[in-house]
Amino acid sequence: MANQLAIHSTDLSCSASFYGGQASDEDVPKMKIPLTLHYAGLDERINKGIPAFINVLIVTAAPFTMHMYPRCQPPVP
């Protein structure tokens, strides 16, 4: 939800995503606000998309900070 708001909202000054899926490569350039990304270290399903997402964020110069909680289980099994 937070990533979708970062893509589509014009009223936000930042966005914080907790354990969510990543935006598509096509949508990342639309993210112009700072992002704070939080991930559960043991969430294999979501985490497999992180490297590609981070690469696109870097290439498009989207401002972001990422936090990985290494021993944390995903919030929803």
PDB file of N, CA and C in Angstrom:
ATOM      1  N   MET A   1       0.815  -1.190   0.000  1.00  0.00           N
ATOM      2  CA  MET A   1       0.000   0.000   0.000  1.00  0.00           C
ATOM      3  C   MET A   1       0.868   1.267   0.000  1.00  0.00           C
ATOM      4  N   ALA A   2       1.903   1.295   0.830  1.00  0.00           N
ATOM      5  CA  ALA A   2       2.748   2.488   0.926  1.00  0.00           C
ATOM      6  C   ALA A   2       3.450   2.788  -0.393  1.00  0.00           C
ATOM      7  N   ASN A   3       3.905   1.749  -1.088  1.00  0.00           N
ATOM      8  CA  ASN A   3       4.560   1.974  -2.376  1.00  0.00           C
ATOM      9  C   ASN A   3       3.570   2.507  -3.404  1.00  0.00           C
ATOM     10  N   GLN A   4       2.355   2.006  -3.401  1.00  0.00           N
ATOM     11  CA  GLN A   4       1.340   2.503  -4.329  1.00  0.00           C
ATOM     12  C   GLN A   4       1.013   3.969  -4.045  1.00  0.00           C
ATOM     13  N   LEU A   5       0.954   4.335  -2.780  1.00  0.00           N
ATOM     14  CA  LEU A   5       0.730   5.736  -2.438  1.00  0.00           C
ATOM     15  C   LEU A   5       1.901   6.598  -2.901  1.00  0.00           C
ATOM     16  N   ALA A   6       3.114   6.100  -2.770  1.00  0.00           N
ATOM     17  CA  ALA A   6       4.289   6.849  -3.225  1.00  0.00           C
ATOM     18  C   ALA A   6       4.262   7.056  -4.734  1.00  0.00           C
ATOM     19  N   ILE A   7       3.659   6.135  -5.451  1.00  0.00           N
ATOM     20  CA  ILE A   7       3.566   6.234  -6.908  1.00  0.00           C
ATOM     21  C   ILE A   7       2.477   7.214  -7.327  1.00  0.00           C
ATOM     22  N   HIS A   8       1.327   7.143  -6.683  1.00  0.00           N
ATOM     23  CA  HIS A   8       0.139   7.839  -7.184  1.00  0.00           C
ATOM     24  C   HIS A   8      -0.249   9.110  -6.442  1.00  0.00           C
ATOM     25  N   SER A   9       0.227   9.309  -5.231  1.00  0.00           N
ATOM     26  CA  SER A   9      -0.200  10.471  -4.462  1.00  0.00           C
ATOM     27  C   SER A   9       0.676  11.681  -4.761  1.00  0.00           C
ATOM     28  N   THR A  10       0.047  12.836  -4.794  1.00  0.00           N
ATOM     29  CA  THR A  10       0.794  14.086  -4.960  1.00  0.00           C
ATOM     30  C   THR A  10       0.844  14.870  -3.648  1.00  0.00           C
ATOM     31  N   ASP A  11       0.235  14.319  -2.600  1.00  0.00           N
ATOM     32  CA  ASP A  11       0.137  15.029  -1.329  1.00  0.00           C
ATOM     33  C   ASP A  11       1.088  14.515  -0.251  1.00  0.00           C
ATOM     34  N   LEU A  12       1.892  13.520  -0.546  1.00  0.00           N
ATOM     35  CA  LEU A  12       2.775  12.933   0.465  1.00  0.00           C
ATOM     36  C   LEU A  12       4.174  13.535   0.397  1.00  0.00           C
ATOM     37  N   SER A  13       4.817  13.603   1.561  1.00  0.00           N
ATOM     38  CA  SER A  13       6.206  14.060   1.577  1.00  0.00           C
ATOM     39  C   SER A  13       7.174  12.906   1.825  1.00  0.00           C
ATOM     40  N   CYS A  14       6.646  11.726   2.221  1.00  0.00           N
ATOM     41  CA  CYS A  14       7.456  10.527   2.399  1.00  0.00           C
ATOM     42  C   CYS A  14       6.526   9.320   2.508  1.00  0.00           C
ATOM     43  N   SER A  15       7.113   8.123   2.463  1.00  0.00           N
ATOM     44  CA  SER A  15       6.323   6.894   2.551  1.00  0.00           C
ATOM     45  C   SER A  15       7.134   5.837   3.293  1.00  0.00           C
ATOM     46  N   ALA A  16       6.466   5.065   4.154  1.00  0.00           N
ATOM     47  CA  ALA A  16       7.122   3.983   4.893  1.00  0.00           C
ATOM     48  C   ALA A  16       6.401   2.675   4.598  1.00  0.00           C
ATOM     49  N   SER A  17       7.131   1.723   4.062  1.00  0.00           N
ATOM     50  CA  SER A  17       6.577   0.420   3.701  1.00  0.00           C
ATOM     51  C   SER A  17       7.053  -0.617   4.709  1.00  0.00           C
ATOM     52  N   PHE A  18       6.119  -1.368   5.262  1.00  0.00           N
ATOM     53  CA  PHE A  18       6.441  -2.413   6.234  1.00  0.00           C
ATOM     54  C   PHE A  18       6.099  -3.771   5.652  1.00  0.00           C
ATOM     55  N   TYR A  19       7.126  -4.542   5.302  1.00  0.00           N
ATOM     56  CA  TYR A  19       6.987  -5.932   4.867  1.00  0.00           C
ATOM     57  C   TYR A  19       6.152  -6.101   3.601  1.00  0.00           C
ATOM     58  N   GLY A  20       6.051  -5.092   2.784  1.00  0.00           N
ATOM     59  CA  GLY A  20       5.213  -5.186   1.592  1.00  0.00           C
ATOM     60  C   GLY A  20       5.984  -5.574   0.353  1.00  0.00           C
ATOM     61  N   GLY A  21       5.239  -5.913  -0.673  1.00  0.00           N
ATOM     62  CA  GLY A  21       5.831  -6.228  -1.966  1.00  0.00           C
ATOM     63  C   GLY A  21       6.402  -4.980  -2.615  1.00  0.00           C
ATOM     64  N   GLN A  22       7.200  -5.189  -3.629  1.00  0.00           N
ATOM     65  CA  GLN A  22       7.877  -4.090  -4.288  1.00  0.00           C
ATOM     66  C   GLN A  22       7.047  -3.556  -5.456  1.00  0.00           C
ATOM     67  N   ALA A  23       7.290  -2.300  -5.785  1.00  0.00           N
ATOM     68  CA  ALA A  23       6.659  -1.698  -6.956  1.00  0.00           C
ATOM     69  C   ALA A  23       7.288  -2.283  -8.217  1.00  0.00           C
ATOM     70  N   SER A  24       6.555  -2.205  -9.315  1.00  0.00           N
ATOM     71  CA  SER A  24       7.081  -2.704 -10.588  1.00  0.00           C
ATOM     72  C   SER A  24       8.186  -1.780 -11.097  1.00  0.00           C
ATOM     73  N   ASP A  25       9.038  -2.307 -11.954  1.00  0.00           N
ATOM     74  CA  ASP A  25      10.131  -1.508 -12.525  1.00  0.00           C
ATOM     75  C   ASP A  25       9.599  -0.269 -13.233  1.00  0.00           C
ATOM     76  N   GLU A  26       8.438  -0.388 -13.871  1.00  0.00           N
ATOM     77  CA  GLU A  26       7.857   0.737 -14.607  1.00  0.00           C
ATOM     78  C   GLU A  26       7.360   1.835 -13.668  1.00  0.00           C
ATOM     79  N   ASP A  27       6.943   1.455 -12.462  1.00  0.00           N
ATOM     80  CA  ASP A  27       6.389   2.433 -11.526  1.00  0.00           C
ATOM     81  C   ASP A  27       7.439   3.119 -10.659  1.00  0.00           C
ATOM     82  N   VAL A  28       8.590   2.517 -10.483  1.00  0.00           N
ATOM     83  CA  VAL A  28       9.604   3.092  -9.592  1.00  0.00           C
ATOM     84  C   VAL A  28       9.989   4.520  -9.991  1.00  0.00           C
ATOM     85  N   PRO A  29      10.164   4.850 -11.268  1.00  0.00           N
ATOM     86  CA  PRO A  29      10.519   6.234 -11.604  1.00  0.00           C
ATOM     87  C   PRO A  29       9.469   7.264 -11.176  1.00  0.00           C
ATOM     88  N   LYS A  30       8.254   6.835 -10.917  1.00  0.00           N
ATOM     89  CA  LYS A  30       7.193   7.740 -10.463  1.00  0.00           C
ATOM     90  C   LYS A  30       7.314   8.059  -8.976  1.00  0.00           C
ATOM     91  N   MET A  31       8.175   7.342  -8.275  1.00  0.00           N
ATOM     92  CA  MET A  31       8.352   7.537  -6.834  1.00  0.00           C
ATOM     93  C   MET A  31       9.361   8.657  -6.613  1.00  0.00           C
ATOM     94  N   LYS A  32       8.886   9.840  -6.313  1.00  0.00           N
ATOM     95  CA  LYS A  32       9.765  11.000  -6.150  1.00  0.00           C
ATOM     96  C   LYS A  32       9.952  11.403  -4.695  1.00  0.00           C
ATOM     97  N   ILE A  33       9.236  10.755  -3.788  1.00  0.00           N
ATOM     98  CA  ILE A  33       9.345  11.099  -2.374  1.00  0.00           C
ATOM     99  C   ILE A  33      10.275  10.108  -1.670  1.00  0.00           C
ATOM    100  N   PRO A  34      10.871  10.491  -0.561  1.00  0.00           N
ATOM    101  CA  PRO A  34      11.726   9.557   0.178  1.00  0.00           C
ATOM    102  C   PRO A  34      10.935   8.341   0.671  1.00  0.00           C
ATOM    103  N   LEU A  35      11.558   7.175   0.560  1.00  0.00           N
ATOM    104  CA  LEU A  35      10.951   5.920   0.993  1.00  0.00           C
ATOM    105  C   LEU A  35      11.747   5.346   2.153  1.00  0.00           C
ATOM    106  N   THR A  36      11.045   4.790   3.112  1.00  0.00           N
ATOM    107  CA  THR A  36      11.669   3.989   4.156  1.00  0.00           C
ATOM    108  C   THR A  36      11.077   2.599   4.030  1.00  0.00           C
ATOM    109  N   LEU A  37      11.927   1.620   3.806  1.00  0.00           N
ATOM    110  CA  LEU A  37      11.493   0.248   3.542  1.00  0.00           C
ATOM    111  C   LEU A  37      11.898  -0.645   4.705  1.00  0.00           C
ATOM    112  N   HIS A  38      10.956  -1.420   5.216  1.00  0.00           N
ATOM    113  CA  HIS A  38      11.198  -2.332   6.338  1.00  0.00           C
ATOM    114  C   HIS A  38      10.860  -3.747   5.885  1.00  0.00           C
ATOM    115  N   TYR A  39      11.793  -4.681   6.111  1.00  0.00           N
ATOM    116  CA  TYR A  39      11.583  -6.062   5.679  1.00  0.00           C
ATOM    117  C   TYR A  39      11.919  -7.048   6.786  1.00  0.00           C
ATOM    118  N   ALA A  40      11.141  -8.128   6.837  1.00  0.00           N
ATOM    119  CA  ALA A  40      11.397  -9.237   7.761  1.00  0.00           C
ATOM    120  C   ALA A  40      12.441 -10.145   7.120  1.00  0.00           C
ATOM    121  N   GLY A  41      13.541 -10.362   7.800  1.00  0.00           N
ATOM    122  CA  GLY A  41      14.646 -11.142   7.248  1.00  0.00           C
ATOM    123  C   GLY A  41      14.286 -12.558   6.838  1.00  0.00           C
ATOM    124  N   LEU A  42      13.283 -13.152   7.460  1.00  0.00           N
ATOM    125  CA  LEU A  42      12.918 -14.535   7.163  1.00  0.00           C
ATOM    126  C   LEU A  42      11.750 -14.646   6.180  1.00  0.00           C
ATOM    127  N   ASP A  43      11.383 -13.552   5.553  1.00  0.00           N
ATOM    128  CA  ASP A  43      10.265 -13.550   4.600  1.00  0.00           C
ATOM    129  C   ASP A  43      10.791 -13.817   3.189  1.00  0.00           C
ATOM    130  N   GLU A  44      10.981 -15.074   2.867  1.00  0.00           N
ATOM    131  CA  GLU A  44      11.586 -15.454   1.587  1.00  0.00           C
ATOM    132  C   GLU A  44      10.759 -14.997   0.390  1.00  0.00           C
ATOM    133  N   ARG A  45       9.456 -15.062   0.486  1.00  0.00           N
ATOM    134  CA  ARG A  45       8.597 -14.700  -0.649  1.00  0.00           C
ATOM    135  C   ARG A  45       8.777 -13.228  -1.033  1.00  0.00           C
ATOM    136  N   ILE A  46       8.676 -12.339  -0.077  1.00  0.00           N
ATOM    137  CA  ILE A  46       8.819 -10.908  -0.353  1.00  0.00           C
ATOM    138  C   ILE A  46      10.271 -10.545  -0.650  1.00  0.00           C
ATOM    139  N   ASN A  47      11.200 -11.104   0.106  1.00  0.00           N
ATOM    140  CA  ASN A  47      12.605 -10.708  -0.001  1.00  0.00           C
ATOM    141  C   ASN A  47      13.252 -11.078  -1.328  1.00  0.00           C
ATOM    142  N   LYS A  48      12.715 -12.055  -2.034  1.00  0.00           N
ATOM    143  CA  LYS A  48      13.341 -12.409  -3.311  1.00  0.00           C
ATOM    144  C   LYS A  48      13.237 -11.273  -4.332  1.00  0.00           C
ATOM    145  N   GLY A  49      12.303 -10.343  -4.146  1.00  0.00           N
ATOM    146  CA  GLY A  49      12.176  -9.213  -5.062  1.00  0.00           C
ATOM    147  C   GLY A  49      12.983  -7.987  -4.672  1.00  0.00           C
ATOM    148  N   ILE A  50      13.610  -8.023  -3.508  1.00  0.00           N
ATOM    149  CA  ILE A  50      14.325  -6.840  -3.017  1.00  0.00           C
ATOM    150  C   ILE A  50      15.508  -6.441  -3.903  1.00  0.00           C
ATOM    151  N   PRO A  51      16.406  -7.352  -4.306  1.00  0.00           N
ATOM    152  CA  PRO A  51      17.576  -6.907  -5.079  1.00  0.00           C
ATOM    153  C   PRO A  51      17.212  -6.141  -6.357  1.00  0.00           C
ATOM    154  N   ALA A  52      16.261  -6.631  -7.115  1.00  0.00           N
ATOM    155  CA  ALA A  52      15.865  -5.941  -8.351  1.00  0.00           C
ATOM    156  C   ALA A  52      15.236  -4.588  -8.035  1.00  0.00           C
ATOM    157  N   PHE A  53      14.405  -4.545  -6.999  1.00  0.00           N
ATOM    158  CA  PHE A  53      13.749  -3.299  -6.596  1.00  0.00           C
ATOM    159  C   PHE A  53      14.784  -2.257  -6.194  1.00  0.00           C
ATOM    160  N   ILE A  54      15.752  -2.644  -5.382  1.00  0.00           N
ATOM    161  CA  ILE A  54      16.796  -1.721  -4.933  1.00  0.00           C
ATOM    162  C   ILE A  54      17.624  -1.229  -6.115  1.00  0.00           C
ATOM    163  N   ASN A  55      17.947  -2.118  -7.043  1.00  0.00           N
ATOM    164  CA  ASN A  55      18.707  -1.704  -8.232  1.00  0.00           C
ATOM    165  C   ASN A  55      17.967  -0.640  -9.020  1.00  0.00           C
ATOM    166  N   VAL A  56      16.667  -0.807  -9.205  1.00  0.00           N
ATOM    167  CA  VAL A  56      15.887   0.190  -9.952  1.00  0.00           C
ATOM    168  C   VAL A  56      15.803   1.492  -9.161  1.00  0.00           C
ATOM    169  N   LEU A  57      15.644   1.410  -7.847  1.00  0.00           N
ATOM    170  CA  LEU A  57      15.640   2.631  -7.035  1.00  0.00           C
ATOM    171  C   LEU A  57      16.955   3.390  -7.197  1.00  0.00           C
ATOM    172  N   ILE A  58      18.065   2.680  -7.199  1.00  0.00           N
ATOM    173  CA  ILE A  58      19.379   3.321  -7.348  1.00  0.00           C
ATOM    174  C   ILE A  58      19.529   3.944  -8.731  1.00  0.00           C
ATOM    175  N   VAL A  59      19.165   3.208  -9.762  1.00  0.00           N
ATOM    176  CA  VAL A  59      19.296   3.708 -11.140  1.00  0.00           C
ATOM    177  C   VAL A  59      18.442   4.955 -11.359  1.00  0.00           C
ATOM    178  N   THR A  60      17.250   4.978 -10.767  1.00  0.00           N
ATOM    179  CA  THR A  60      16.357   6.125 -10.960  1.00  0.00           C
ATOM    180  C   THR A  60      16.589   7.228  -9.932  1.00  0.00           C
ATOM    181  N   ALA A  61      17.563   7.040  -9.052  1.00  0.00           N
ATOM    182  CA  ALA A  61      17.926   8.021  -8.022  1.00  0.00           C
ATOM    183  C   ALA A  61      16.775   8.317  -7.068  1.00  0.00           C
ATOM    184  N   ALA A  62      15.917   7.331  -6.838  1.00  0.00           N
ATOM    185  CA  ALA A  62      14.843   7.502  -5.861  1.00  0.00           C
ATOM    186  C   ALA A  62      15.450   7.479  -4.457  1.00  0.00           C
ATOM    187  N   PRO A  63      15.106   8.447  -3.614  1.00  0.00           N
ATOM    188  CA  PRO A  63      15.670   8.472  -2.262  1.00  0.00           C
ATOM    189  C   PRO A  63      15.036   7.382  -1.392  1.00  0.00           C
ATOM    190  N   PHE A  64      15.862   6.557  -0.757  1.00  0.00           N
ATOM    191  CA  PHE A  64      15.314   5.497   0.090  1.00  0.00           C
ATOM    192  C   PHE A  64      16.282   5.116   1.198  1.00  0.00           C
ATOM    193  N   THR A  65      15.708   4.540   2.242  1.00  0.00           N
ATOM    194  CA  THR A  65      16.437   3.913   3.334  1.00  0.00           C
ATOM    195  C   THR A  65      15.793   2.559   3.546  1.00  0.00           C
ATOM    196  N   MET A  66      16.604   1.519   3.735  1.00  0.00           N
ATOM    197  CA  MET A  66      16.054   0.186   3.936  1.00  0.00           C
ATOM    198  C   MET A  66      16.533  -0.389   5.261  1.00  0.00           C
ATOM    199  N   HIS A  67      15.611  -1.045   5.949  1.00  0.00           N
ATOM    200  CA  HIS A  67      15.916  -1.727   7.205  1.00  0.00           C
ATOM    201  C   HIS A  67      15.517  -3.190   7.057  1.00  0.00           C
ATOM    202  N   MET A  68      16.451  -4.085   7.348  1.00  0.00           N
ATOM    203  CA  MET A  68      16.189  -5.527   7.315  1.00  0.00           C
ATOM    204  C   MET A  68      16.306  -6.037   8.748  1.00  0.00           C
ATOM    205  N   TYR A  69      15.268  -6.712   9.200  1.00  0.00           N
ATOM    206  CA  TYR A  69      15.248  -7.273  10.544  1.00  0.00           C
ATOM    207  C   TYR A  69      15.549  -8.759  10.416  1.00  0.00           C
ATOM    208  N   PRO A  70      16.818  -9.168  10.614  1.00  0.00           N
ATOM    209  CA  PRO A  70      17.316 -10.492  10.239  1.00  0.00           C
ATOM    210  C   PRO A  70      16.549 -11.687  10.800  1.00  0.00           C
ATOM    211  N   ARG A  71      16.173 -11.662  12.043  1.00  0.00           N
ATOM    212  CA  ARG A  71      15.531 -12.842  12.647  1.00  0.00           C
ATOM    213  C   ARG A  71      14.013 -12.718  12.701  1.00  0.00           C
ATOM    214  N   CYS A  72      13.480 -11.768  11.980  1.00  0.00           N
ATOM    215  CA  CYS A  72      12.045 -11.494  12.031  1.00  0.00           C
ATOM    216  C   CYS A  72      11.282 -12.359  11.026  1.00  0.00           C
ATOM    217  N   GLN A  73      10.209 -12.978  11.489  1.00  0.00           N
ATOM    218  CA  GLN A  73       9.320 -13.753  10.630  1.00  0.00           C
ATOM    219  C   GLN A  73       8.411 -12.796   9.857  1.00  0.00           C
ATOM    220  N   PRO A  74       7.883 -13.235   8.716  1.00  0.00           N
ATOM    221  CA  PRO A  74       6.908 -12.400   8.013  1.00  0.00           C
ATOM    222  C   PRO A  74       5.667 -12.211   8.886  1.00  0.00           C
ATOM    223  N   PRO A  75       5.013 -11.058   8.770  1.00  0.00           N
ATOM    224  CA  PRO A  75       3.860 -10.792   9.627  1.00  0.00           C
ATOM    225  C   PRO A  75       2.661 -11.691   9.336  1.00  0.00           C
ATOM    226  N   VAL A  76       2.522 -12.131   8.097  1.00  0.00           N
ATOM    227  CA  VAL A  76       1.402 -12.998   7.718  1.00  0.00           C
ATOM    228  C   VAL A  76       1.978 -14.250   7.078  1.00  0.00           C
ATOM    229  N   PRO A  77       1.704 -15.427   7.656  1.00  0.00           N
ATOM    230  CA  PRO A  77       2.277 -16.662   7.084  1.00  0.00           C
ATOM    231  C   PRO A  77       1.705 -16.991   5.722  1.00  0.00           C
TER     232      PRO A  77
END
